[in-house]
Amino acid sequence: MSHCHVVQTIEGLARSRAFLGDGDVLVFFGEAVQLLLTPDKLPSVPCHFMENDVAARGLVPFASEVALLTTADFVALLVHHDKQVAW
């Protein structure tokens, strides 16, 4: 069973780590997109960042090597996973 972990704060990433499993993904929203600035802190599961939040914070130059999601992409990702968890 795979989970889509939606991380909204930097602290949320720390809380989610203990629950990450095979097939899980992380989606970063809001404040949490600032983690683009410290890629070494990201876990080894697929990490996605909301495009609008990245752009709103002027972080597009730091996003060349990550997956950016539109709202439609996010919805498709949620449908693909069994459960969603917000942090």
PDB file of N, CA and C in Angstrom:
ATOM      1  N   MET A   1       0.851  -1.168   0.000  1.00  0.00           N
ATOM      2  CA  MET A   1       0.000   0.000   0.000  1.00  0.00           C
ATOM      3  C   MET A   1       0.902   1.239   0.000  1.00  0.00           C
ATOM      4  N   SER A   2       0.728   2.097  -0.976  1.00  0.00           N
ATOM      5  CA  SER A   2       1.572   3.285  -1.073  1.00  0.00           C
ATOM      6  C   SER A   2       0.821   4.519  -0.573  1.00  0.00           C
ATOM      7  N   HIS A   3       1.605   5.462  -0.073  1.00  0.00           N
ATOM      8  CA  HIS A   3       1.057   6.693   0.484  1.00  0.00           C
ATOM      9  C   HIS A   3       1.634   7.909  -0.233  1.00  0.00           C
ATOM     10  N   CYS A   4       0.817   8.934  -0.330  1.00  0.00           N
ATOM     11  CA  CYS A   4       1.266  10.236  -0.800  1.00  0.00           C
ATOM     12  C   CYS A   4       1.304  11.133   0.435  1.00  0.00           C
ATOM     13  N   HIS A   5       2.503  11.495   0.846  1.00  0.00           N
ATOM     14  CA  HIS A   5       2.697  12.339   2.021  1.00  0.00           C
ATOM     15  C   HIS A   5       2.751  13.796   1.570  1.00  0.00           C
ATOM     16  N   VAL A   6       1.815  14.589   2.043  1.00  0.00           N
ATOM     17  CA  VAL A   6       1.734  15.997   1.675  1.00  0.00           C
ATOM     18  C   VAL A   6       2.350  16.812   2.813  1.00  0.00           C
ATOM     19  N   VAL A   7       3.483  17.436   2.530  1.00  0.00           N
ATOM     20  CA  VAL A   7       4.242  18.154   3.553  1.00  0.00           C
ATOM     21  C   VAL A   7       4.039  19.657   3.353  1.00  0.00           C
ATOM     22  N   GLN A   8       3.493  20.302   4.385  1.00  0.00           N
ATOM     23  CA  GLN A   8       3.175  21.727   4.283  1.00  0.00           C
ATOM     24  C   GLN A   8       4.132  22.616   5.067  1.00  0.00           C
ATOM     25  N   THR A   9       4.885  22.025   5.997  1.00  0.00           N
ATOM     26  CA  THR A   9       5.833  22.800   6.795  1.00  0.00           C
ATOM     27  C   THR A   9       7.172  22.067   6.815  1.00  0.00           C
ATOM     28  N   ILE A  10       8.210  22.784   7.129  1.00  0.00           N
ATOM     29  CA  ILE A  10       9.531  22.165   7.216  1.00  0.00           C
ATOM     30  C   ILE A  10       9.548  21.115   8.325  1.00  0.00           C
ATOM     31  N   GLU A  11       8.886  21.384   9.435  1.00  0.00           N
ATOM     32  CA  GLU A  11       8.801  20.416  10.528  1.00  0.00           C
ATOM     33  C   GLU A  11       8.024  19.166  10.110  1.00  0.00           C
ATOM     34  N   GLY A  12       7.102  19.336   9.180  1.00  0.00           N
ATOM     35  CA  GLY A  12       6.320  18.202   8.698  1.00  0.00           C
ATOM     36  C   GLY A  12       7.178  17.123   8.065  1.00  0.00           C
ATOM     37  N   LEU A  13       8.253  17.512   7.412  1.00  0.00           N
ATOM     38  CA  LEU A  13       9.152  16.527   6.825  1.00  0.00           C
ATOM     39  C   LEU A  13       9.756  15.654   7.908  1.00  0.00           C
ATOM     40  N   ALA A  14      10.191  16.241   9.009  1.00  0.00           N
ATOM     41  CA  ALA A  14      10.775  15.469  10.110  1.00  0.00           C
ATOM     42  C   ALA A  14       9.761  14.474  10.671  1.00  0.00           C
ATOM     43  N   ARG A  15       8.510  14.897  10.809  1.00  0.00           N
ATOM     44  CA  ARG A  15       7.468  14.018  11.339  1.00  0.00           C
ATOM     45  C   ARG A  15       7.146  12.876  10.381  1.00  0.00           C
ATOM     46  N   SER A  16       7.219  13.142   9.090  1.00  0.00           N
ATOM     47  CA  SER A  16       6.823  12.127   8.103  1.00  0.00           C
ATOM     48  C   SER A  16       7.864  11.033   7.908  1.00  0.00           C
ATOM     49  N   ARG A  17       9.125  11.315   8.186  1.00  0.00           N
ATOM     50  CA  ARG A  17      10.216  10.375   7.895  1.00  0.00           C
ATOM     51  C   ARG A  17       9.998   8.975   8.466  1.00  0.00           C
ATOM     52  N   ALA A  18       9.499   8.881   9.674  1.00  0.00           N
ATOM     53  CA  ALA A  18       9.317   7.582  10.316  1.00  0.00           C
ATOM     54  C   ALA A  18       8.238   6.742   9.643  1.00  0.00           C
ATOM     55  N   PHE A  19       7.423   7.352   8.820  1.00  0.00           N
ATOM     56  CA  PHE A  19       6.298   6.665   8.206  1.00  0.00           C
ATOM     57  C   PHE A  19       6.473   6.413   6.711  1.00  0.00           C
ATOM     58  N   LEU A  20       7.608   6.780   6.151  1.00  0.00           N
ATOM     59  CA  LEU A  20       7.842   6.591   4.718  1.00  0.00           C
ATOM     60  C   LEU A  20       8.106   5.128   4.421  1.00  0.00           C
ATOM     61  N   GLY A  21       7.474   4.631   3.367  1.00  0.00           N
ATOM     62  CA  GLY A  21       7.650   3.241   2.988  1.00  0.00           C
ATOM     63  C   GLY A  21       7.882   3.087   1.498  1.00  0.00           C
ATOM     64  N   ASP A  22       8.054   1.850   1.083  1.00  0.00           N
ATOM     65  CA  ASP A  22       8.255   1.566  -0.336  1.00  0.00           C
ATOM     66  C   ASP A  22       7.057   2.045  -1.149  1.00  0.00           C
ATOM     67  N   GLY A  23       7.317   2.701  -2.242  1.00  0.00           N
ATOM     68  CA  GLY A  23       6.271   3.180  -3.119  1.00  0.00           C
ATOM     69  C   GLY A  23       5.671   4.519  -2.713  1.00  0.00           C
ATOM     70  N   ASP A  24       6.089   5.052  -1.570  1.00  0.00           N
ATOM     71  CA  ASP A  24       5.570   6.341  -1.102  1.00  0.00           C
ATOM     72  C   ASP A  24       6.218   7.500  -1.858  1.00  0.00           C
ATOM     73  N   VAL A  25       5.529   8.616  -1.869  1.00  0.00           N
ATOM     74  CA  VAL A  25       6.055   9.860  -2.450  1.00  0.00           C
ATOM     75  C   VAL A  25       5.785  11.003  -1.485  1.00  0.00           C
ATOM     76  N   LEU A  26       6.557  12.058  -1.641  1.00  0.00           N
ATOM     77  CA  LEU A  26       6.358  13.287  -0.874  1.00  0.00           C
ATOM     78  C   LEU A  26       5.973  14.407  -1.826  1.00  0.00           C
ATOM     79  N   VAL A  27       5.020  15.227  -1.399  1.00  0.00           N
ATOM     80  CA  VAL A  27       4.651  16.430  -2.149  1.00  0.00           C
ATOM     81  C   VAL A  27       4.800  17.606  -1.192  1.00  0.00           C
ATOM     82  N   PHE A  28       5.591  18.592  -1.593  1.00  0.00           N
ATOM     83  CA  PHE A  28       5.858  19.753  -0.765  1.00  0.00           C
ATOM     84  C   PHE A  28       5.019  20.939  -1.225  1.00  0.00           C
ATOM     85  N   PHE A  29       4.306  21.548  -0.262  1.00  0.00           N
ATOM     86  CA  PHE A  29       3.427  22.701  -0.459  1.00  0.00           C
ATOM     87  C   PHE A  29       3.911  23.854   0.399  1.00  0.00           C
ATOM     88  N   GLY A  30       3.449  25.041   0.097  1.00  0.00           N
ATOM     89  CA  GLY A  30       3.634  26.194   0.975  1.00  0.00           C
ATOM     90  C   GLY A  30       5.054  26.356   1.466  1.00  0.00           C
ATOM     91  N   GLU A  31       5.193  26.595   2.752  1.00  0.00           N
ATOM     92  CA  GLU A  31       6.483  26.827   3.396  1.00  0.00           C
ATOM     93  C   GLU A  31       7.493  25.715   3.101  1.00  0.00           C
ATOM     94  N   ALA A  32       7.024  24.490   2.986  1.00  0.00           N
ATOM     95  CA  ALA A  32       7.923  23.338   2.823  1.00  0.00           C
ATOM     96  C   ALA A  32       8.702  23.350   1.512  1.00  0.00           C
ATOM     97  N   VAL A  33       8.268  24.122   0.508  1.00  0.00           N
ATOM     98  CA  VAL A  33       9.037  24.155  -0.744  1.00  0.00           C
ATOM     99  C   VAL A  33      10.408  24.788  -0.540  1.00  0.00           C
ATOM    100  N   GLN A  34      10.621  25.458   0.576  1.00  0.00           N
ATOM    101  CA  GLN A  34      11.936  26.020   0.882  1.00  0.00           C
ATOM    102  C   GLN A  34      12.995  24.934   1.045  1.00  0.00           C
ATOM    103  N   LEU A  35      12.561  23.690   1.204  1.00  0.00           N
ATOM    104  CA  LEU A  35      13.510  22.580   1.304  1.00  0.00           C
ATOM    105  C   LEU A  35      14.279  22.370   0.000  1.00  0.00           C
ATOM    106  N   LEU A  36      13.856  23.026  -1.067  1.00  0.00           N
ATOM    107  CA  LEU A  36      14.645  23.015  -2.308  1.00  0.00           C
ATOM    108  C   LEU A  36      16.043  23.565  -2.068  1.00  0.00           C
ATOM    109  N   LEU A  37      16.172  24.437  -1.081  1.00  0.00           N
ATOM    110  CA  LEU A  37      17.451  25.071  -0.785  1.00  0.00           C
ATOM    111  C   LEU A  37      18.415  24.145  -0.050  1.00  0.00           C
ATOM    112  N   THR A  38      17.893  23.034   0.472  1.00  0.00           N
ATOM    113  CA  THR A  38      18.728  22.059   1.189  1.00  0.00           C
ATOM    114  C   THR A  38      18.412  20.650   0.694  1.00  0.00           C
ATOM    115  N   PRO A  39      18.743  20.350  -0.561  1.00  0.00           N
ATOM    116  CA  PRO A  39      18.377  19.047  -1.138  1.00  0.00           C
ATOM    117  C   PRO A  39      18.980  17.861  -0.403  1.00  0.00           C
ATOM    118  N   ASP A  40      20.080  18.060   0.324  1.00  0.00           N
ATOM    119  CA  ASP A  40      20.682  16.964   1.081  1.00  0.00           C
ATOM    120  C   ASP A  40      19.796  16.518   2.250  1.00  0.00           C
ATOM    121  N   LYS A  41      18.810  17.310   2.625  1.00  0.00           N
ATOM    122  CA  LYS A  41      17.890  16.958   3.712  1.00  0.00           C
ATOM    123  C   LYS A  41      16.672  16.173   3.225  1.00  0.00           C
ATOM    124  N   LEU A  42      16.533  16.035   1.916  1.00  0.00           N
ATOM    125  CA  LEU A  42      15.379  15.314   1.371  1.00  0.00           C
ATOM    126  C   LEU A  42      15.602  13.811   1.453  1.00  0.00           C
ATOM    127  N   PRO A  43      14.559  13.047   1.772  1.00  0.00           N
ATOM    128  CA  PRO A  43      14.703  11.596   1.836  1.00  0.00           C
ATOM    129  C   PRO A  43      14.850  10.986   0.442  1.00  0.00           C
ATOM    130  N   SER A  44      15.125   9.705   0.395  1.00  0.00           N
ATOM    131  CA  SER A  44      15.388   9.035  -0.883  1.00  0.00           C
ATOM    132  C   SER A  44      14.135   8.504  -1.563  1.00  0.00           C
ATOM    133  N   VAL A  45      12.975   9.000  -1.190  1.00  0.00           N
ATOM    134  CA  VAL A  45      11.733   8.658  -1.904  1.00  0.00           C
ATOM    135  C   VAL A  45      11.479   9.759  -2.932  1.00  0.00           C
ATOM    136  N   PRO A  46      10.648   9.500  -3.942  1.00  0.00           N
ATOM    137  CA  PRO A  46      10.351  10.554  -4.918  1.00  0.00           C
ATOM    138  C   PRO A  46       9.762  11.789  -4.240  1.00  0.00           C
ATOM    139  N   CYS A  47      10.342  12.941  -4.551  1.00  0.00           N
ATOM    140  CA  CYS A  47       9.902  14.213  -3.972  1.00  0.00           C
ATOM    141  C   CYS A  47       9.370  15.109  -5.092  1.00  0.00           C
ATOM    142  N   HIS A  48       8.194  15.673  -4.856  1.00  0.00           N
ATOM    143  CA  HIS A  48       7.550  16.561  -5.812  1.00  0.00           C
ATOM    144  C   HIS A  48       7.263  17.884  -5.114  1.00  0.00           C
ATOM    145  N   PHE A  49       7.336  18.965  -5.874  1.00  0.00           N
ATOM    146  CA  PHE A  49       7.117  20.296  -5.333  1.00  0.00           C
ATOM    147  C   PHE A  49       6.025  20.985  -6.136  1.00  0.00           C
ATOM    148  N   MET A  50       5.112  21.643  -5.438  1.00  0.00           N
ATOM    149  CA  MET A  50       4.037  22.357  -6.117  1.00  0.00           C
ATOM    150  C   MET A  50       4.609  23.565  -6.847  1.00  0.00           C
ATOM    151  N   GLU A  51       4.382  23.582  -8.149  1.00  0.00           N
ATOM    152  CA  GLU A  51       4.931  24.597  -9.040  1.00  0.00           C
ATOM    153  C   GLU A  51       4.569  26.022  -8.607  1.00  0.00           C
ATOM    154  N   ASN A  52       3.304  26.251  -8.265  1.00  0.00           N
ATOM    155  CA  ASN A  52       2.855  27.596  -7.875  1.00  0.00           C
ATOM    156  C   ASN A  52       3.563  28.090  -6.620  1.00  0.00           C
ATOM    157  N   ASP A  53       3.763  27.197  -5.650  1.00  0.00           N
ATOM    158  CA  ASP A  53       4.422  27.596  -4.410  1.00  0.00           C
ATOM    159  C   ASP A  53       5.905  27.868  -4.632  1.00  0.00           C
ATOM    160  N   VAL A  54       6.528  27.083  -5.491  1.00  0.00           N
ATOM    161  CA  VAL A  54       7.937  27.307  -5.831  1.00  0.00           C
ATOM    162  C   VAL A  54       8.091  28.671  -6.512  1.00  0.00           C
ATOM    163  N   ALA A  55       7.233  28.950  -7.472  1.00  0.00           N
ATOM    164  CA  ALA A  55       7.297  30.228  -8.197  1.00  0.00           C
ATOM    165  C   ALA A  55       7.003  31.408  -7.275  1.00  0.00           C
ATOM    166  N   ALA A  56       6.022  31.269  -6.397  1.00  0.00           N
ATOM    167  CA  ALA A  56       5.644  32.363  -5.499  1.00  0.00           C
ATOM    168  C   ALA A  56       6.772  32.757  -4.557  1.00  0.00           C
ATOM    169  N   ARG A  57       7.658  31.816  -4.267  1.00  0.00           N
ATOM    170  CA  ARG A  57       8.776  32.096  -3.360  1.00  0.00           C
ATOM    171  C   ARG A  57      10.081  32.373  -4.097  1.00  0.00           C
ATOM    172  N   GLY A  58      10.006  32.502  -5.423  1.00  0.00           N
ATOM    173  CA  GLY A  58      11.190  32.820  -6.212  1.00  0.00           C
ATOM    174  C   GLY A  58      12.226  31.709  -6.245  1.00  0.00           C
ATOM    175  N   LEU A  59      11.768  30.463  -6.117  1.00  0.00           N
ATOM    176  CA  LEU A  59      12.696  29.338  -6.028  1.00  0.00           C
ATOM    177  C   LEU A  59      12.841  28.547  -7.325  1.00  0.00           C
ATOM    178  N   VAL A  60      12.269  29.043  -8.413  1.00  0.00           N
ATOM    179  CA  VAL A  60      12.346  28.320  -9.693  1.00  0.00           C
ATOM    180  C   VAL A  60      13.793  28.020 -10.095  1.00  0.00           C
ATOM    181  N   PRO A  61      14.755  28.933  -9.894  1.00  0.00           N
ATOM    182  CA  PRO A  61      16.140  28.614 -10.270  1.00  0.00           C
ATOM    183  C   PRO A  61      16.724  27.408  -9.514  1.00  0.00           C
ATOM    184  N   PHE A  62      16.153  27.066  -8.376  1.00  0.00           N
ATOM    185  CA  PHE A  62      16.642  25.940  -7.580  1.00  0.00           C
ATOM    186  C   PHE A  62      15.902  24.648  -7.887  1.00  0.00           C
ATOM    187  N   ALA A  63      14.944  24.699  -8.804  1.00  0.00           N
ATOM    188  CA  ALA A  63      14.058  23.556  -9.043  1.00  0.00           C
ATOM    189  C   ALA A  63      14.369  22.791 -10.318  1.00  0.00           C
ATOM    190  N   SER A  64      15.551  22.981 -10.871  1.00  0.00           N
ATOM    191  CA  SER A  64      15.848  22.349 -12.159  1.00  0.00           C
ATOM    192  C   SER A  64      15.950  20.829 -12.085  1.00  0.00           C
ATOM    193  N   GLU A  65      16.227  20.291 -10.908  1.00  0.00           N
ATOM    194  CA  GLU A  65      16.421  18.843 -10.794  1.00  0.00           C
ATOM    195  C   GLU A  65      15.340  18.147  -9.981  1.00  0.00           C
ATOM    196  N   VAL A  66      14.201  18.799  -9.801  1.00  0.00           N
ATOM    197  CA  VAL A  66      13.100  18.183  -9.049  1.00  0.00           C
ATOM    198  C   VAL A  66      11.835  18.179  -9.895  1.00  0.00           C
ATOM    199  N   ALA A  67      10.890  17.367  -9.470  1.00  0.00           N
ATOM    200  CA  ALA A  67       9.607  17.295 -10.163  1.00  0.00           C
ATOM    201  C   ALA A  67       8.685  18.392  -9.646  1.00  0.00           C
ATOM    202  N   LEU A  68       8.233  19.253 -10.559  1.00  0.00           N
ATOM    203  CA  LEU A  68       7.259  20.286 -10.216  1.00  0.00           C
ATOM    204  C   LEU A  68       5.877  19.817 -10.640  1.00  0.00           C
ATOM    205  N   LEU A  69       4.896  20.044  -9.783  1.00  0.00           N
ATOM    206  CA  LEU A  69       3.532  19.606 -10.054  1.00  0.00           C
ATOM    207  C   LEU A  69       2.592  20.788 -10.238  1.00  0.00           C
ATOM    208  N   THR A  70       1.725  20.668 -11.222  1.00  0.00           N
ATOM    209  CA  THR A  70       0.586  21.578 -11.329  1.00  0.00           C
ATOM    210  C   THR A  70      -0.516  20.995 -10.445  1.00  0.00           C
ATOM    211  N   THR A  71      -1.592  21.717 -10.286  1.00  0.00           N
ATOM    212  CA  THR A  71      -2.702  21.187  -9.499  1.00  0.00           C
ATOM    213  C   THR A  71      -3.250  19.905 -10.127  1.00  0.00           C
ATOM    214  N   ALA A  72      -3.347  19.859 -11.446  1.00  0.00           N
ATOM    215  CA  ALA A  72      -3.834  18.655 -12.128  1.00  0.00           C
ATOM    216  C   ALA A  72      -2.886  17.476 -11.901  1.00  0.00           C
ATOM    217  N   ASP A  73      -1.575  17.737 -11.940  1.00  0.00           N
ATOM    218  CA  ASP A  73      -0.593  16.678 -11.665  1.00  0.00           C
ATOM    219  C   ASP A  73      -0.755  16.144 -10.242  1.00  0.00           C
ATOM    220  N   PHE A  74      -0.983  17.057  -9.301  1.00  0.00           N
ATOM    221  CA  PHE A  74      -1.158  16.677  -7.904  1.00  0.00           C
ATOM    222  C   PHE A  74      -2.369  15.768  -7.731  1.00  0.00           C
ATOM    223  N   VAL A  75      -3.465  16.127  -8.336  1.00  0.00           N
ATOM    224  CA  VAL A  75      -4.679  15.306  -8.253  1.00  0.00           C
ATOM    225  C   VAL A  75      -4.415  13.918  -8.836  1.00  0.00           C
ATOM    226  N   ALA A  76      -3.731  13.857  -9.963  1.00  0.00           N
ATOM    227  CA  ALA A  76      -3.410  12.561 -10.573  1.00  0.00           C
ATOM    228  C   ALA A  76      -2.526  11.727  -9.650  1.00  0.00           C
ATOM    229  N   LEU A  77      -1.592  12.361  -8.975  1.00  0.00           N
ATOM    230  CA  LEU A  77      -0.715  11.656  -8.044  1.00  0.00           C
ATOM    231  C   LEU A  77      -1.511  11.108  -6.860  1.00  0.00           C
ATOM    232  N   LEU A  78      -2.439  11.895  -6.349  1.00  0.00           N
ATOM    233  CA  LEU A  78      -3.285  11.434  -5.240  1.00  0.00           C
ATOM    234  C   LEU A  78      -4.109  10.219  -5.636  1.00  0.00           C
ATOM    235  N   VAL A  79      -4.648  10.237  -6.829  1.00  0.00           N
ATOM    236  CA  VAL A  79      -5.478   9.126  -7.305  1.00  0.00           C
ATOM    237  C   VAL A  79      -4.645   7.857  -7.449  1.00  0.00           C
ATOM    238  N   HIS A  80      -3.381   8.014  -7.788  1.00  0.00           N
ATOM    239  CA  HIS A  80      -2.485   6.872  -8.019  1.00  0.00           C
ATOM    240  C   HIS A  80      -2.100   6.145  -6.726  1.00  0.00           C
ATOM    241  N   HIS A  81      -2.140   6.835  -5.587  1.00  0.00           N
ATOM    242  CA  HIS A  81      -1.730   6.245  -4.314  1.00  0.00           C
ATOM    243  C   HIS A  81      -2.935   5.847  -3.475  1.00  0.00           C
ATOM    244  N   ASP A  82      -2.722   4.821  -2.655  1.00  0.00           N
ATOM    245  CA  ASP A  82      -3.813   4.262  -1.838  1.00  0.00           C
ATOM    246  C   ASP A  82      -4.312   5.224  -0.758  1.00  0.00           C
ATOM    247  N   LYS A  83      -3.365   5.922  -0.136  1.00  0.00           N
ATOM    248  CA  LYS A  83      -3.737   6.819   0.967  1.00  0.00           C
ATOM    249  C   LYS A  83      -2.945   8.118   0.867  1.00  0.00           C
ATOM    250  N   GLN A  84      -3.506   9.158   1.495  1.00  0.00           N
ATOM    251  CA  GLN A  84      -2.847  10.451   1.569  1.00  0.00           C
ATOM    252  C   GLN A  84      -2.717  10.834   3.040  1.00  0.00           C
ATOM    253  N   VAL A  85      -1.555  11.385   3.378  1.00  0.00           N
ATOM    254  CA  VAL A  85      -1.298  11.826   4.741  1.00  0.00           C
ATOM    255  C   VAL A  85      -0.743  13.238   4.677  1.00  0.00           C
ATOM    256  N   ALA A  86      -1.295  14.140   5.464  1.00  0.00           N
ATOM    257  CA  ALA A  86      -0.816  15.529   5.491  1.00  0.00           C
ATOM    258  C   ALA A  86       0.025  15.769   6.739  1.00  0.00           C
ATOM    259  N   TRP A  87       1.117  16.468   6.555  1.00  0.00           N
ATOM    260  CA  TRP A  87       2.032  16.791   7.660  1.00  0.00           C
ATOM    261  C   TRP A  87       2.209  18.285   7.760  1.00  0.00           C
TER     262      TRP A  87
END
